[in-house]
């Protein structure tokens, strides 16, 4: 999930997605403790997703106007010559 996508969610969507992500994170941690976790990298992804959701929620609560940066296209050296 990218921050640009998160900023396009409504407030209710943010809250519900945060709740779902936290629940999934909890379930994956339980699987990790029992040794049944197949994708350990999913834990990091979920942790970062929750952080993005919480960031946007707090930005809106503080009424901050944040614009997401648009990635620049890489310059092709062959076209320059």
Protein backbone atom coordinates (compact mmCIF):
# COMPACT_ATOMS: atom_id res chain seq x y z
CA UNK A 1 0.00 0.00 0.00
CA UNK A 2 1.45 3.34 -1.02
CA UNK A 3 0.96 6.58 0.86
CA UNK A 4 -0.69 8.14 -2.20
CA UNK A 5 -3.35 5.42 -2.10
CA UNK A 6 -3.83 5.87 1.65
CA UNK A 7 -4.39 9.61 1.31
CA UNK A 8 -7.23 8.92 -1.15
CA UNK A 9 -9.22 6.90 1.41
CA UNK A 10 -12.10 8.43 3.31
CA UNK A 11 -11.89 8.76 7.09
CA UNK A 12 -14.12 5.75 7.69
CA UNK A 13 -12.09 3.65 5.24
CA UNK A 14 -8.89 4.62 7.05
CA UNK A 15 -10.26 3.52 10.40
CA UNK A 16 -11.62 0.22 9.08
CA UNK A 17 -8.41 -0.59 7.17
CA UNK A 18 -6.32 0.21 10.25
CA UNK A 19 -8.50 -2.08 12.37
CA UNK A 20 -8.23 -4.89 9.79
CA UNK A 21 -4.46 -4.48 9.47
CA UNK A 22 -3.95 -4.56 13.24
CA UNK A 23 -6.09 -7.70 13.52
CA UNK A 24 -4.15 -9.40 10.72
CA UNK A 25 -0.86 -8.34 12.34
CA UNK A 26 -2.00 -9.88 15.64
CA UNK A 27 -2.96 -13.14 13.90
CA UNK A 28 0.37 -13.31 12.08
CA UNK A 29 2.26 -12.76 15.33
CA UNK A 30 0.37 -15.71 16.83
CA UNK A 31 1.29 -17.83 13.81
CA UNK A 32 4.91 -16.77 14.21
CA UNK A 33 4.94 -17.90 17.83
CA UNK A 34 3.54 -21.31 16.91
CA UNK A 35 5.93 -21.69 13.97
CA UNK A 36 3.18 -21.71 11.34
CA UNK A 37 4.06 -18.39 9.68
CA UNK A 38 4.84 -18.86 5.99
CA UNK A 39 5.75 -15.27 4.99
CA UNK A 40 7.63 -13.46 7.77
CA UNK A 41 8.05 -10.41 5.53
CA UNK A 42 4.29 -9.86 5.73
CA UNK A 43 4.74 -8.75 9.36
CA UNK A 44 6.98 -5.86 8.30
CA UNK A 45 4.64 -4.90 5.48
CA UNK A 46 1.64 -4.79 7.81
CA UNK A 47 3.54 -2.81 10.43
CA UNK A 48 4.43 -0.21 7.80
CA UNK A 49 0.86 -0.14 6.47
CA UNK A 50 -0.49 0.55 9.96
CA UNK A 51 2.04 3.36 10.36
CA UNK A 52 0.96 4.92 7.04
CA UNK A 53 -2.69 4.72 8.03
CA UNK A 54 -2.03 6.27 11.44
CA UNK A 55 0.06 9.02 9.85
CA UNK A 56 -2.74 10.04 7.49
CA UNK A 57 -5.31 9.87 10.29
CA UNK A 58 -3.22 12.19 12.47
CA UNK A 59 -2.56 14.54 9.52
CA UNK A 60 -6.29 14.89 9.01
CA UNK A 61 -6.93 15.33 12.72
CA UNK A 62 -4.37 18.16 12.79
CA UNK A 63 -5.75 19.51 9.49
CA UNK A 64 -2.37 19.43 7.76
CA UNK A 65 -2.25 19.83 4.00
CA UNK A 66 0.25 17.28 2.76
CA UNK A 67 0.86 16.66 -0.91
CA UNK A 68 2.37 13.38 -1.95
CA UNK A 69 5.41 13.60 -4.14
CA UNK A 70 5.18 12.22 -7.63
CA UNK A 71 8.08 9.98 -8.57
CA UNK A 72 10.31 11.40 -11.27
CA UNK A 73 10.90 9.34 -14.36
CA UNK A 74 14.47 8.09 -14.79
CA UNK A 75 16.38 9.84 -17.56
CA UNK A 76 17.36 7.56 -20.41
CA UNK A 77 21.00 8.25 -21.41
CA UNK A 78 20.46 6.95 -24.95
CA UNK A 79 17.88 9.62 -25.75
CA UNK A 80 20.21 12.43 -24.66
CA UNK A 81 22.85 11.62 -27.30
